[in-house]
Amino acid sequence: MFSSIAILSGFVSVTLALNKAALPLPVTEIFQFPRGSYIEALQFRPNGKLLGNLLAPEASIYQFDVVEKSARKVVSIPSVNGLYGLTEGLPDQYYAAGGNFSLRASTRQAGSFGIFHVNLTSFDHTGLATVEEVSHFANATPNGLWTLNAKTGIILAADATNGVVYRVNVNTGVNEITVSDPLMKPPANASTYPSPNGIAVRDGYLYFTNTGAGTFGRVPITAAGVQTGPAQLVAVTAGGNPGGDDWTFDAAGNVFLGENPNNWVSVLPKGSKTPVIIAGGPNSTAVLGPNTVRFGVSKLDKSRGGLYIGTSGGLPQYRSGNFTNGGGVYRIDTAVLDL
């Protein structure tokens, strides 16, 4: 394990050009579930439809038509009670992380988590999806997923409990820890929050959020997903500790973050260390518990910078049992930010 934590000096502490006059961005509702429904992960299909994992009330994957603003259940996975991360491997074939846990008690069932292969290559014609568990974990909580090599079946999985990242071979089922760093570990005062959470690979680095610590960092890795040096702190999230869930890069390298357990979405402009809240806010109900964000793939969405947001409806209600809002899918148009 690499024991030192480096501060990323290549990033400046000032916020770069950003059209703040456009803030906060208007939020468009695409679909809202009943109370107690928690959308954890989003992924666009090649046909432009949007997939969403449910963390609660059951382990299901839904498909959203973002134009018609409708939803359709694709599949449920009865062997677990909730789903975390979602990534595409080969075209229209996906991998979802799931297991058994209690949001209210903030506990998990050790040994219940696995990676599931969800094949949708025939779904549009038959309405059927096939599901198979391809890797099982003895004592890990796979959350954020990233496809490292679709052809060879290698994905990375962030273990949100133990502060490490696994390399998973979905063809053989073998999983092994290849990244472990202090910057990923859950802090003592926020140990029930995922640490690490959302992950992505770009230019030889694995980028990640640590929700419990409220940080966004990166760690150098090989093409095979093996750590080669200490992690570096890129930024503290707009909400601080805890804060920062799943996130995505845009084409220019700006980082857009769902800031669950806070109620806003932020952007970290490329070259900056200061995230800016762009939708929702401390006193806003526009996006309650934004867990995940993904850019739309249609021509219209590419022109307007359409960013789709999956929400929980507000994390505190799952811990209190006093449900007031359902999770949903929303859109903000980010092109006006002029990044």
C-alpha atoms as a PDB file:
ATOM      1  CA  MET A   1       0.000   0.000   0.000  1.00  0.00           C
ATOM      2  CA  PHE A   2       1.175   3.521  -0.751  1.00  0.00           C
ATOM      3  CA  SER A   3       1.159   5.351   2.569  1.00  0.00           C
ATOM      4  CA  SER A   4       1.716   8.973   1.583  1.00  0.00           C
ATOM      5  CA  ILE A   5      -0.928  11.426   0.381  1.00  0.00           C
ATOM      6  CA  ALA A   6       0.151  13.982  -2.190  1.00  0.00           C
ATOM      7  CA  ILE A   7      -1.569  17.302  -2.765  1.00  0.00           C
ATOM      8  CA  LEU A   8      -2.138  17.846  -6.464  1.00  0.00           C
ATOM      9  CA  SER A   9      -0.080  20.902  -7.321  1.00  0.00           C
ATOM     10  CA  GLY A  10      -1.106  21.047 -10.965  1.00  0.00           C
ATOM     11  CA  PHE A  11      -4.547  22.335 -10.037  1.00  0.00           C
ATOM     12  CA  VAL A  12      -5.018  25.987  -9.141  1.00  0.00           C
ATOM     13  CA  SER A  13      -7.172  27.193  -6.258  1.00  0.00           C
ATOM     14  CA  VAL A  14      -9.205  29.690  -8.232  1.00  0.00           C
ATOM     15  CA  THR A  15     -12.403  28.987 -10.125  1.00  0.00           C
ATOM     16  CA  LEU A  16     -11.860  29.296 -13.844  1.00  0.00           C
ATOM     17  CA  ALA A  17     -14.216  30.928 -16.348  1.00  0.00           C
ATOM     18  CA  LEU A  18     -17.782  30.005 -15.467  1.00  0.00           C
ATOM     19  CA  ASN A  19     -20.974  31.815 -16.341  1.00  0.00           C
ATOM     20  CA  LYS A  20     -22.303  32.227 -12.807  1.00  0.00           C
ATOM     21  CA  ALA A  21     -25.081  34.474 -14.101  1.00  0.00           C
ATOM     22  CA  ALA A  22     -26.824  31.297 -15.285  1.00  0.00           C
ATOM     23  CA  LEU A  23     -26.915  29.802 -11.779  1.00  0.00           C
ATOM     24  CA  PRO A  24     -28.735  27.988 -10.408  1.00  0.00           C
ATOM     25  CA  LEU A  25     -29.580  26.029 -13.531  1.00  0.00           C
ATOM     26  CA  PRO A  26     -33.265  25.208 -14.090  1.00  0.00           C
ATOM     27  CA  VAL A  27     -34.123  21.570 -13.330  1.00  0.00           C
ATOM     28  CA  THR A  28     -36.416  19.551 -15.607  1.00  0.00           C
ATOM     29  CA  GLU A  29     -38.172  16.510 -14.152  1.00  0.00           C
ATOM     30  CA  ILE A  30     -38.010  13.403 -16.351  1.00  0.00           C
ATOM     31  CA  PHE A  31     -39.573  10.864 -13.997  1.00  0.00           C
ATOM     32  CA  GLN A  32     -40.278  10.556 -10.279  1.00  0.00           C
ATOM     33  CA  PHE A  33     -40.865   7.339  -8.371  1.00  0.00           C
ATOM     34  CA  PRO A  34     -43.092   6.936  -5.297  1.00  0.00           C
ATOM     35  CA  ARG A  35     -41.679   7.687  -1.851  1.00  0.00           C
ATOM     36  CA  GLY A  36     -39.072   5.217  -0.687  1.00  0.00           C
ATOM     37  CA  SER A  37     -37.539   4.710  -4.152  1.00  0.00           C
ATOM     38  CA  TYR A  38     -33.820   5.393  -4.449  1.00  0.00           C
ATOM     39  CA  ILE A  39     -32.017   5.723  -7.803  1.00  0.00           C
ATOM     40  CA  GLU A  40     -28.348   4.931  -7.329  1.00  0.00           C
ATOM     41  CA  ALA A  41     -26.736   4.717 -10.783  1.00  0.00           C
ATOM     42  CA  LEU A  42     -27.407   5.782 -14.388  1.00  0.00           C
ATOM     43  CA  GLN A  43     -26.065   4.554 -17.721  1.00  0.00           C
ATOM     44  CA  PHE A  44     -27.157   5.337 -21.275  1.00  0.00           C
ATOM     45  CA  ARG A  45     -27.819   2.519 -23.725  1.00  0.00           C
ATOM     46  CA  PRO A  46     -26.639   2.667 -27.361  1.00  0.00           C
ATOM     47  CA  ASN A  47     -30.262   3.351 -28.406  1.00  0.00           C
ATOM     48  CA  GLY A  48     -30.403   6.524 -26.305  1.00  0.00           C
ATOM     49  CA  LYS A  49     -32.565   5.093 -23.529  1.00  0.00           C
ATOM     50  CA  LEU A  50     -31.340   5.625 -19.963  1.00  0.00           C
ATOM     51  CA  LEU A  51     -30.887   2.798 -17.459  1.00  0.00           C
ATOM     52  CA  GLY A  52     -31.161   3.342 -13.726  1.00  0.00           C
ATOM     53  CA  ASN A  53     -30.337   1.058 -10.791  1.00  0.00           C
ATOM     54  CA  LEU A  54     -32.622   1.091  -7.761  1.00  0.00           C
ATOM     55  CA  LEU A  55     -31.033   0.849  -4.338  1.00  0.00           C
ATOM     56  CA  ALA A  56     -34.498   0.753  -2.753  1.00  0.00           C
ATOM     57  CA  PRO A  57     -37.173  -0.534  -2.370  1.00  0.00           C
ATOM     58  CA  GLU A  58     -35.886  -3.470  -4.440  1.00  0.00           C
ATOM     59  CA  ALA A  59     -32.934  -4.464  -6.606  1.00  0.00           C
ATOM     60  CA  SER A  60     -34.310  -3.445  -9.997  1.00  0.00           C
ATOM     61  CA  ILE A  61     -33.083  -1.809 -13.184  1.00  0.00           C
ATOM     62  CA  TYR A  62     -35.414   0.591 -14.997  1.00  0.00           C
ATOM     63  CA  GLN A  63     -35.259   2.071 -18.466  1.00  0.00           C
ATOM     64  CA  PHE A  64     -36.196   5.727 -18.933  1.00  0.00           C
ATOM     65  CA  ASP A  65     -37.272   7.380 -22.153  1.00  0.00           C
ATOM     66  CA  VAL A  66     -35.912  10.874 -21.564  1.00  0.00           C
ATOM     67  CA  VAL A  67     -37.982  12.327 -24.424  1.00  0.00           C
ATOM     68  CA  GLU A  68     -41.342  10.795 -23.539  1.00  0.00           C
ATOM     69  CA  LYS A  69     -40.537  11.048 -19.811  1.00  0.00           C
ATOM     70  CA  SER A  70     -41.594   7.491 -19.078  1.00  0.00           C
ATOM     71  CA  ALA A  71     -40.134   4.495 -17.228  1.00  0.00           C
ATOM     72  CA  ARG A  72     -40.219   0.726 -17.711  1.00  0.00           C
ATOM     73  CA  LYS A  73     -38.854  -1.976 -15.462  1.00  0.00           C
ATOM     74  CA  VAL A  74     -36.173  -3.998 -17.244  1.00  0.00           C
ATOM     75  CA  VAL A  75     -35.351  -6.622 -14.639  1.00  0.00           C
ATOM     76  CA  SER A  76     -35.293  -7.389 -10.914  1.00  0.00           C
ATOM     77  CA  ILE A  77     -32.589  -9.370  -9.119  1.00  0.00           C
ATOM     78  CA  PRO A  78     -34.312 -11.211  -6.240  1.00  0.00           C
ATOM     79  CA  SER A  79     -31.126 -12.607  -4.666  1.00  0.00           C
ATOM     80  CA  VAL A  80     -30.212  -9.136  -3.332  1.00  0.00           C
ATOM     81  CA  ASN A  81     -32.263  -6.214  -1.997  1.00  0.00           C
ATOM     82  CA  GLY A  82     -30.503  -3.299  -3.695  1.00  0.00           C
ATOM     83  CA  LEU A  83     -28.159  -2.279  -6.496  1.00  0.00           C
ATOM     84  CA  TYR A  84     -25.212   0.128  -6.495  1.00  0.00           C
ATOM     85  CA  GLY A  85     -22.974   0.842  -9.500  1.00  0.00           C
ATOM     86  CA  LEU A  86     -23.655   0.195 -13.179  1.00  0.00           C
ATOM     87  CA  THR A  87     -21.245   0.070 -16.133  1.00  0.00           C
ATOM     88  CA  GLU A  88     -21.456  -1.060 -19.755  1.00  0.00           C
ATOM     89  CA  GLY A  89     -19.077  -3.725 -21.032  1.00  0.00           C
ATOM     90  CA  LEU A  90     -19.613  -4.960 -24.561  1.00  0.00           C
ATOM     91  CA  PRO A  91     -22.428  -3.100 -26.391  1.00  0.00           C
ATOM     92  CA  ASP A  92     -25.734  -3.320 -24.512  1.00  0.00           C
ATOM     93  CA  GLN A  93     -24.264  -5.620 -21.873  1.00  0.00           C
ATOM     94  CA  TYR A  94     -23.985  -4.223 -18.363  1.00  0.00           C
ATOM     95  CA  TYR A  95     -22.558  -5.017 -14.969  1.00  0.00           C
ATOM     96  CA  ALA A  96     -24.360  -4.037 -11.780  1.00  0.00           C
ATOM     97  CA  ALA A  97     -23.122  -4.258  -8.200  1.00  0.00           C
ATOM     98  CA  GLY A  98     -25.618  -5.442  -5.609  1.00  0.00           C
ATOM     99  CA  GLY A  99     -26.079  -6.945  -2.169  1.00  0.00           C
ATOM    100  CA  ASN A 100     -28.161  -6.967   0.993  1.00  0.00           C
ATOM    101  CA  PHE A 101     -28.142  -3.981   3.343  1.00  0.00           C
ATOM    102  CA  SER A 102     -30.283  -1.653   5.425  1.00  0.00           C
ATOM    103  CA  LEU A 103     -30.307   2.041   4.554  1.00  0.00           C
ATOM    104  CA  ARG A 104     -32.082   2.867   7.802  1.00  0.00           C
ATOM    105  CA  ALA A 105     -29.572   1.058  10.014  1.00  0.00           C
ATOM    106  CA  SER A 106     -26.599   1.832   7.731  1.00  0.00           C
ATOM    107  CA  THR A 107     -25.574  -1.821   7.856  1.00  0.00           C
ATOM    108  CA  ARG A 108     -24.707  -4.426   5.239  1.00  0.00           C
ATOM    109  CA  GLN A 109     -24.744  -8.204   5.115  1.00  0.00           C
ATOM    110  CA  ALA A 110     -21.143  -9.272   4.665  1.00  0.00           C
ATOM    111  CA  GLY A 111     -20.705 -11.857   1.941  1.00  0.00           C
ATOM    112  CA  SER A 112     -23.937 -10.940   0.130  1.00  0.00           C
ATOM    113  CA  PHE A 113     -22.428  -8.661  -2.526  1.00  0.00           C
ATOM    114  CA  GLY A 114     -21.642  -9.522  -6.106  1.00  0.00           C
ATOM    115  CA  ILE A 115     -21.360  -8.291  -9.679  1.00  0.00           C
ATOM    116  CA  PHE A 116     -24.236  -9.190 -11.994  1.00  0.00           C
ATOM    117  CA  HIS A 117     -24.116  -9.389 -15.783  1.00  0.00           C
ATOM    118  CA  VAL A 118     -27.265  -7.896 -17.350  1.00  0.00           C
ATOM    119  CA  ASN A 119     -27.593  -8.683 -21.074  1.00  0.00           C
ATOM    120  CA  LEU A 120     -29.964  -6.406 -23.019  1.00  0.00           C
ATOM    121  CA  THR A 121     -28.911  -7.335 -26.562  1.00  0.00           C
ATOM    122  CA  SER A 122     -32.356  -8.891 -27.224  1.00  0.00           C
ATOM    123  CA  PHE A 123     -34.406  -6.704 -24.899  1.00  0.00           C
ATOM    124  CA  ASP A 124     -35.819  -4.335 -27.543  1.00  0.00           C
ATOM    125  CA  HIS A 125     -37.141  -7.285 -29.574  1.00  0.00           C
ATOM    126  CA  THR A 126     -38.223  -9.727 -26.881  1.00  0.00           C
ATOM    127  CA  GLY A 127     -38.691  -7.565 -23.771  1.00  0.00           C
ATOM    128  CA  LEU A 128     -36.451 -10.002 -21.914  1.00  0.00           C
ATOM    129  CA  ALA A 129     -33.144  -9.439 -20.140  1.00  0.00           C
ATOM    130  CA  THR A 130     -30.828 -12.156 -18.866  1.00  0.00           C
ATOM    131  CA  VAL A 131     -29.069 -11.833 -15.509  1.00  0.00           C
ATOM    132  CA  GLU A 132     -26.187 -13.835 -14.084  1.00  0.00           C
ATOM    133  CA  GLU A 133     -23.932 -13.267 -11.094  1.00  0.00           C
ATOM    134  CA  VAL A 134     -20.365 -13.314 -12.432  1.00  0.00           C
ATOM    135  CA  SER A 135     -18.282 -12.447  -9.360  1.00  0.00           C
ATOM    136  CA  HIS A 136     -18.889 -12.717  -5.617  1.00  0.00           C
ATOM    137  CA  PHE A 137     -17.164 -10.921  -2.732  1.00  0.00           C
ATOM    138  CA  ALA A 138     -16.407 -12.402   0.662  1.00  0.00           C
ATOM    139  CA  ASN A 139     -16.133  -9.110   2.529  1.00  0.00           C
ATOM    140  CA  ALA A 140     -16.531  -6.116   0.229  1.00  0.00           C
ATOM    141  CA  THR A 141     -19.210  -3.615  -0.762  1.00  0.00           C
ATOM    142  CA  PRO A 142     -18.741  -2.952  -4.497  1.00  0.00           C
ATOM    143  CA  ASN A 143     -20.242   0.428  -5.316  1.00  0.00           C
ATOM    144  CA  GLY A 144     -18.880   2.550  -8.175  1.00  0.00           C
ATOM    145  CA  LEU A 145     -17.928   0.540 -11.264  1.00  0.00           C
ATOM    146  CA  TRP A 146     -15.769   1.315 -14.289  1.00  0.00           C
ATOM    147  CA  THR A 147     -15.099  -0.786 -17.393  1.00  0.00           C
ATOM    148  CA  LEU A 148     -11.348  -0.956 -17.867  1.00  0.00           C
ATOM    149  CA  ASN A 149     -11.323  -3.324 -20.853  1.00  0.00           C
ATOM    150  CA  ALA A 150     -14.638  -4.492 -22.329  1.00  0.00           C
ATOM    151  CA  LYS A 151     -13.019  -6.987 -24.714  1.00  0.00           C
ATOM    152  CA  THR A 152     -11.156  -8.854 -21.985  1.00  0.00           C
ATOM    153  CA  GLY A 153     -13.928  -8.436 -19.409  1.00  0.00           C
ATOM    154  CA  ILE A 154     -12.010  -6.361 -16.856  1.00  0.00           C
ATOM    155  CA  ILE A 155     -13.861  -3.872 -14.668  1.00  0.00           C
ATOM    156  CA  LEU A 156     -12.902  -1.931 -11.545  1.00  0.00           C
ATOM    157  CA  ALA A 157     -15.115  -1.879  -8.463  1.00  0.00           C
ATOM    158  CA  ALA A 158     -14.826   0.602  -5.586  1.00  0.00           C
ATOM    159  CA  ASP A 159     -15.200  -1.162  -2.230  1.00  0.00           C
ATOM    160  CA  ALA A 160     -17.180   1.464  -0.335  1.00  0.00           C
ATOM    161  CA  THR A 161     -16.617  -0.143   3.071  1.00  0.00           C
ATOM    162  CA  ASN A 162     -12.918  -0.952   3.087  1.00  0.00           C
ATOM    163  CA  GLY A 163     -11.488   1.951   1.091  1.00  0.00           C
ATOM    164  CA  VAL A 164      -9.967  -0.087  -1.746  1.00  0.00           C
ATOM    165  CA  VAL A 165     -10.599  -0.834  -5.424  1.00  0.00           C
ATOM    166  CA  TYR A 166     -10.941  -4.323  -6.862  1.00  0.00           C
ATOM    167  CA  ARG A 167     -10.077  -5.475 -10.346  1.00  0.00           C
ATOM    168  CA  VAL A 168     -12.750  -7.917 -11.478  1.00  0.00           C
ATOM    169  CA  ASN A 169     -12.537 -10.390 -14.347  1.00  0.00           C
ATOM    170  CA  VAL A 170     -16.183 -10.903 -15.275  1.00  0.00           C
ATOM    171  CA  ASN A 171     -15.294 -13.916 -17.428  1.00  0.00           C
ATOM    172  CA  THR A 172     -13.551 -15.903 -14.680  1.00  0.00           C
ATOM    173  CA  GLY A 173     -15.135 -14.333 -11.582  1.00  0.00           C
ATOM    174  CA  VAL A 174     -11.744 -13.570 -10.049  1.00  0.00           C
ATOM    175  CA  ASN A 175     -11.583 -10.316  -8.074  1.00  0.00           C
ATOM    176  CA  GLU A 176      -8.506  -8.875  -6.386  1.00  0.00           C
ATOM    177  CA  ILE A 177      -7.491  -5.627  -4.709  1.00  0.00           C
ATOM    178  CA  THR A 178      -5.265  -3.558  -7.005  1.00  0.00           C
ATOM    179  CA  VAL A 179      -5.648  -0.087  -5.454  1.00  0.00           C
ATOM    180  CA  SER A 180      -5.421   0.763  -1.751  1.00  0.00           C
ATOM    181  CA  ASP A 181      -4.632   4.220  -0.444  1.00  0.00           C
ATOM    182  CA  PRO A 182      -5.262   6.265   2.732  1.00  0.00           C
ATOM    183  CA  LEU A 183      -7.060   8.934   0.711  1.00  0.00           C
ATOM    184  CA  MET A 184      -9.764   6.388  -0.094  1.00  0.00           C
ATOM    185  CA  LYS A 185     -10.390   5.241   3.469  1.00  0.00           C
ATOM    186  CA  PRO A 186     -13.592   6.145   5.358  1.00  0.00           C
ATOM    187  CA  PRO A 187     -12.977   8.696   8.122  1.00  0.00           C
ATOM    188  CA  ALA A 188     -13.904   7.765  11.670  1.00  0.00           C
ATOM    189  CA  ASN A 189     -16.559  10.489  11.912  1.00  0.00           C
ATOM    190  CA  ALA A 190     -18.361   9.455   8.697  1.00  0.00           C
ATOM    191  CA  SER A 191     -17.675   5.739   8.396  1.00  0.00           C
ATOM    192  CA  THR A 192     -21.206   4.878   7.197  1.00  0.00           C
ATOM    193  CA  TYR A 193     -20.734   6.825   3.956  1.00  0.00           C
ATOM    194  CA  PRO A 194     -19.192   5.154   0.864  1.00  0.00           C
ATOM    195  CA  SER A 195     -15.432   5.567   0.750  1.00  0.00           C
ATOM    196  CA  PRO A 196     -14.558   5.396  -2.116  1.00  0.00           C
ATOM    197  CA  ASN A 197     -17.700   5.887  -4.211  1.00  0.00           C
ATOM    198  CA  GLY A 198     -17.842   6.945  -7.888  1.00  0.00           C
ATOM    199  CA  ILE A 199     -14.801   6.093 -10.023  1.00  0.00           C
ATOM    200  CA  ALA A 200     -13.535   6.733 -13.554  1.00  0.00           C
ATOM    201  CA  VAL A 201     -10.237   6.311 -15.406  1.00  0.00           C
ATOM    202  CA  ARG A 202      -8.703   9.096 -17.488  1.00  0.00           C
ATOM    203  CA  ASP A 203      -5.149   9.610 -18.805  1.00  0.00           C
ATOM    204  CA  GLY A 204      -3.502   7.011 -16.580  1.00  0.00           C
ATOM    205  CA  TYR A 205      -5.308   7.991 -13.363  1.00  0.00           C
ATOM    206  CA  LEU A 206      -8.175   6.475 -11.450  1.00  0.00           C
ATOM    207  CA  TYR A 207     -10.321   9.361 -10.190  1.00  0.00           C
ATOM    208  CA  PHE A 208     -12.658   8.839  -7.233  1.00  0.00           C
ATOM    209  CA  THR A 209     -14.919  10.466  -4.700  1.00  0.00           C
ATOM    210  CA  ASN A 210     -14.622   9.676  -1.003  1.00  0.00           C
ATOM    211  CA  THR A 211     -18.104  10.548   0.248  1.00  0.00           C
ATOM    212  CA  GLY A 212     -17.278  10.131   3.918  1.00  0.00           C
ATOM    213  CA  ALA A 213     -14.317  12.497   3.691  1.00  0.00           C
ATOM    214  CA  GLY A 214     -15.967  14.880   1.207  1.00  0.00           C
ATOM    215  CA  THR A 215     -13.024  14.703  -1.193  1.00  0.00           C
ATOM    216  CA  PHE A 216     -12.275  14.124  -4.865  1.00  0.00           C
ATOM    217  CA  GLY A 217      -8.940  12.514  -5.653  1.00  0.00           C
ATOM    218  CA  ARG A 218      -6.937  10.541  -8.143  1.00  0.00           C
ATOM    219  CA  VAL A 219      -4.369   7.746  -8.081  1.00  0.00           C
ATOM    220  CA  PRO A 220      -1.959   6.660 -10.839  1.00  0.00           C
ATOM    221  CA  ILE A 221      -2.598   3.191 -12.250  1.00  0.00           C
ATOM    222  CA  THR A 222      -1.294   0.951 -15.016  1.00  0.00           C
ATOM    223  CA  ALA A 223      -3.373  -0.074 -18.018  1.00  0.00           C
ATOM    224  CA  ALA A 224      -4.135  -3.219 -16.027  1.00  0.00           C
ATOM    225  CA  GLY A 225      -5.607  -1.182 -13.155  1.00  0.00           C
ATOM    226  CA  VAL A 226      -2.718  -1.586 -10.693  1.00  0.00           C
ATOM    227  CA  GLN A 227      -1.717   1.346  -8.480  1.00  0.00           C
ATOM    228  CA  THR A 228       1.730   2.798  -9.189  1.00  0.00           C
ATOM    229  CA  GLY A 229       1.987   5.660  -6.689  1.00  0.00           C
ATOM    230  CA  PRO A 230       0.229   7.556  -3.876  1.00  0.00           C
ATOM    231  CA  ALA A 231      -3.174   9.134  -4.349  1.00  0.00           C
ATOM    232  CA  GLN A 232      -3.459  12.890  -4.796  1.00  0.00           C
ATOM    233  CA  LEU A 233      -6.120  15.214  -3.402  1.00  0.00           C
ATOM    234  CA  VAL A 234      -7.716  17.119  -6.283  1.00  0.00           C
ATOM    235  CA  ALA A 235     -10.457  19.012  -4.416  1.00  0.00           C
ATOM    236  CA  VAL A 236     -12.735  19.126  -1.406  1.00  0.00           C
ATOM    237  CA  THR A 237     -16.356  18.762  -2.472  1.00  0.00           C
ATOM    238  CA  ALA A 238     -18.756  21.692  -2.228  1.00  0.00           C
ATOM    239  CA  GLY A 239     -20.450  20.090   0.765  1.00  0.00           C
ATOM    240  CA  GLY A 240     -17.281  19.110   2.554  1.00  0.00           C
ATOM    241  CA  ASN A 241     -17.524  16.152   4.920  1.00  0.00           C
ATOM    242  CA  PRO A 242     -19.596  14.173   3.980  1.00  0.00           C
ATOM    243  CA  GLY A 243     -20.253  14.893   0.311  1.00  0.00           C
ATOM    244  CA  GLY A 244     -19.654  13.782  -3.258  1.00  0.00           C
ATOM    245  CA  ASP A 245     -21.248  10.674  -4.735  1.00  0.00           C
ATOM    246  CA  ASP A 246     -21.175   9.488  -8.338  1.00  0.00           C
ATOM    247  CA  TRP A 247     -19.897  11.904 -10.968  1.00  0.00           C
ATOM    248  CA  THR A 248     -18.771  12.216 -14.586  1.00  0.00           C
ATOM    249  CA  PHE A 249     -16.322  14.045 -16.832  1.00  0.00           C
ATOM    250  CA  ASP A 250     -17.493  16.088 -19.784  1.00  0.00           C
ATOM    251  CA  ALA A 251     -15.540  15.990 -23.059  1.00  0.00           C
ATOM    252  CA  ALA A 252     -13.340  18.915 -21.951  1.00  0.00           C
ATOM    253  CA  GLY A 253     -12.356  17.344 -18.628  1.00  0.00           C
ATOM    254  CA  ASN A 254     -14.666  19.312 -16.321  1.00  0.00           C
ATOM    255  CA  VAL A 255     -16.045  17.214 -13.456  1.00  0.00           C
ATOM    256  CA  PHE A 256     -19.770  17.182 -12.662  1.00  0.00           C
ATOM    257  CA  LEU A 257     -20.637  15.758  -9.250  1.00  0.00           C
ATOM    258  CA  GLY A 258     -23.807  14.504  -7.629  1.00  0.00           C
ATOM    259  CA  GLU A 259     -23.305  15.749  -4.086  1.00  0.00           C
ATOM    260  CA  ASN A 260     -25.472  13.291  -2.124  1.00  0.00           C
ATOM    261  CA  PRO A 261     -26.037  13.308   0.874  1.00  0.00           C
ATOM    262  CA  ASN A 262     -26.364  17.032   0.123  1.00  0.00           C
ATOM    263  CA  ASN A 263     -29.085  18.418  -2.147  1.00  0.00           C
ATOM    264  CA  TRP A 264     -27.096  19.869  -5.012  1.00  0.00           C
ATOM    265  CA  VAL A 265     -25.030  19.174  -8.113  1.00  0.00           C
ATOM    266  CA  SER A 266     -21.662  20.874  -8.528  1.00  0.00           C
ATOM    267  CA  VAL A 267     -19.020  21.324 -11.194  1.00  0.00           C
ATOM    268  CA  LEU A 268     -15.265  21.263 -10.735  1.00  0.00           C
ATOM    269  CA  PRO A 269     -13.923  23.175 -13.747  1.00  0.00           C
ATOM    270  CA  LYS A 270     -10.840  21.639 -15.320  1.00  0.00           C
ATOM    271  CA  GLY A 271      -7.742  23.054 -13.640  1.00  0.00           C
ATOM    272  CA  SER A 272      -9.641  24.226 -10.556  1.00  0.00           C
ATOM    273  CA  LYS A 273      -9.737  23.021  -6.952  1.00  0.00           C
ATOM    274  CA  THR A 274     -13.014  24.795  -6.145  1.00  0.00           C
ATOM    275  CA  PRO A 275     -16.326  23.097  -6.988  1.00  0.00           C
ATOM    276  CA  VAL A 276     -19.271  25.395  -7.747  1.00  0.00           C
ATOM    277  CA  ILE A 277     -22.897  24.476  -7.019  1.00  0.00           C
ATOM    278  CA  ILE A 278     -24.834  24.648 -10.292  1.00  0.00           C
ATOM    279  CA  ALA A 279     -28.237  23.119  -9.413  1.00  0.00           C
ATOM    280  CA  GLY A 280     -30.128  22.822  -6.153  1.00  0.00           C
ATOM    281  CA  GLY A 281     -28.520  24.176  -3.009  1.00  0.00           C
ATOM    282  CA  PRO A 282     -28.610  24.180   0.794  1.00  0.00           C
ATOM    283  CA  ASN A 283     -32.127  25.654   0.859  1.00  0.00           C
ATOM    284  CA  SER A 284     -33.449  24.089  -2.340  1.00  0.00           C
ATOM    285  CA  THR A 285     -35.651  21.071  -3.018  1.00  0.00           C
ATOM    286  CA  ALA A 286     -34.916  20.993  -6.764  1.00  0.00           C
ATOM    287  CA  VAL A 287     -32.666  17.907  -6.557  1.00  0.00           C
ATOM    288  CA  LEU A 288     -32.997  15.944  -3.320  1.00  0.00           C
ATOM    289  CA  GLY A 289     -30.143  13.502  -2.827  1.00  0.00           C
ATOM    290  CA  PRO A 290     -28.429  13.542  -6.243  1.00  0.00           C
ATOM    291  CA  ASN A 291     -26.487  10.273  -6.358  1.00  0.00           C
ATOM    292  CA  THR A 292     -25.407  10.045  -9.965  1.00  0.00           C
ATOM    293  CA  VAL A 293     -25.023  12.140 -13.126  1.00  0.00           C
ATOM    294  CA  ARG A 294     -24.589  11.210 -16.796  1.00  0.00           C
ATOM    295  CA  PHE A 295     -24.527  13.293 -19.984  1.00  0.00           C
ATOM    296  CA  GLY A 296     -27.181  12.613 -22.595  1.00  0.00           C
ATOM    297  CA  VAL A 297     -26.176  11.068 -25.914  1.00  0.00           C
ATOM    298  CA  SER A 298     -28.717  12.541 -28.351  1.00  0.00           C
ATOM    299  CA  LYS A 299     -27.821  15.331 -30.770  1.00  0.00           C
ATOM    300  CA  LEU A 300     -30.029  17.713 -28.793  1.00  0.00           C
ATOM    301  CA  ASP A 301     -28.472  16.776 -25.466  1.00  0.00           C
ATOM    302  CA  LYS A 302     -24.969  17.163 -26.859  1.00  0.00           C
ATOM    303  CA  SER A 303     -25.807  20.681 -28.061  1.00  0.00           C
ATOM    304  CA  ARG A 304     -27.376  21.800 -24.785  1.00  0.00           C
ATOM    305  CA  GLY A 305     -25.070  19.866 -22.471  1.00  0.00           C
ATOM    306  CA  GLY A 306     -27.949  17.832 -21.087  1.00  0.00           C
ATOM    307  CA  LEU A 307     -26.857  16.292 -17.782  1.00  0.00           C
ATOM    308  CA  TYR A 308     -29.177  13.681 -16.267  1.00  0.00           C
ATOM    309  CA  ILE A 309     -29.374  13.317 -12.512  1.00  0.00           C
ATOM    310  CA  GLY A 310     -30.547  10.322 -10.501  1.00  0.00           C
ATOM    311  CA  THR A 311     -31.776  11.081  -6.977  1.00  0.00           C
ATOM    312  CA  SER A 312     -32.779   9.295  -3.789  1.00  0.00           C
ATOM    313  CA  GLY A 313     -35.422  11.825  -2.788  1.00  0.00           C
ATOM    314  CA  GLY A 314     -33.185  12.749   0.156  1.00  0.00           C
ATOM    315  CA  LEU A 315     -30.966  10.360   2.107  1.00  0.00           C
ATOM    316  CA  PRO A 316     -32.094  11.398   5.647  1.00  0.00           C
ATOM    317  CA  GLN A 317     -35.604  10.015   5.071  1.00  0.00           C
ATOM    318  CA  TYR A 318     -34.226   6.487   4.646  1.00  0.00           C
ATOM    319  CA  ARG A 319     -32.592   6.718   8.039  1.00  0.00           C
ATOM    320  CA  SER A 320     -35.560   8.302   9.823  1.00  0.00           C
ATOM    321  CA  GLY A 321     -38.257   6.280   8.076  1.00  0.00           C
ATOM    322  CA  ASN A 322     -40.201   9.508   7.476  1.00  0.00           C
ATOM    323  CA  PHE A 323     -40.510   9.376   3.678  1.00  0.00           C
ATOM    324  CA  THR A 324     -41.425  12.672   2.055  1.00  0.00           C
ATOM    325  CA  ASN A 325     -40.066  12.402  -1.511  1.00  0.00           C
ATOM    326  CA  GLY A 326     -39.418   9.723  -4.096  1.00  0.00           C
ATOM    327  CA  GLY A 327     -36.227   9.378  -6.061  1.00  0.00           C
ATOM    328  CA  GLY A 328     -36.287  10.451  -9.677  1.00  0.00           C
ATOM    329  CA  VAL A 329     -34.495  11.389 -12.867  1.00  0.00           C
ATOM    330  CA  TYR A 330     -33.940  15.052 -13.747  1.00  0.00           C
ATOM    331  CA  ARG A 331     -32.054  17.055 -16.348  1.00  0.00           C
ATOM    332  CA  ILE A 332     -30.050  20.268 -16.301  1.00  0.00           C
ATOM    333  CA  ASP A 333     -28.584  21.954 -19.387  1.00  0.00           C
ATOM    334  CA  THR A 334     -24.951  22.834 -18.784  1.00  0.00           C
ATOM    335  CA  ALA A 335     -23.918  24.419 -22.096  1.00  0.00           C
ATOM    336  CA  VAL A 336     -24.884  27.840 -20.743  1.00  0.00           C
ATOM    337  CA  LEU A 337     -22.035  27.574 -18.231  1.00  0.00           C
ATOM    338  CA  ASP A 338     -19.584  28.311 -21.073  1.00  0.00           C
ATOM    339  CA  LEU A 339     -16.935  25.991 -19.665  1.00  0.00           C
END
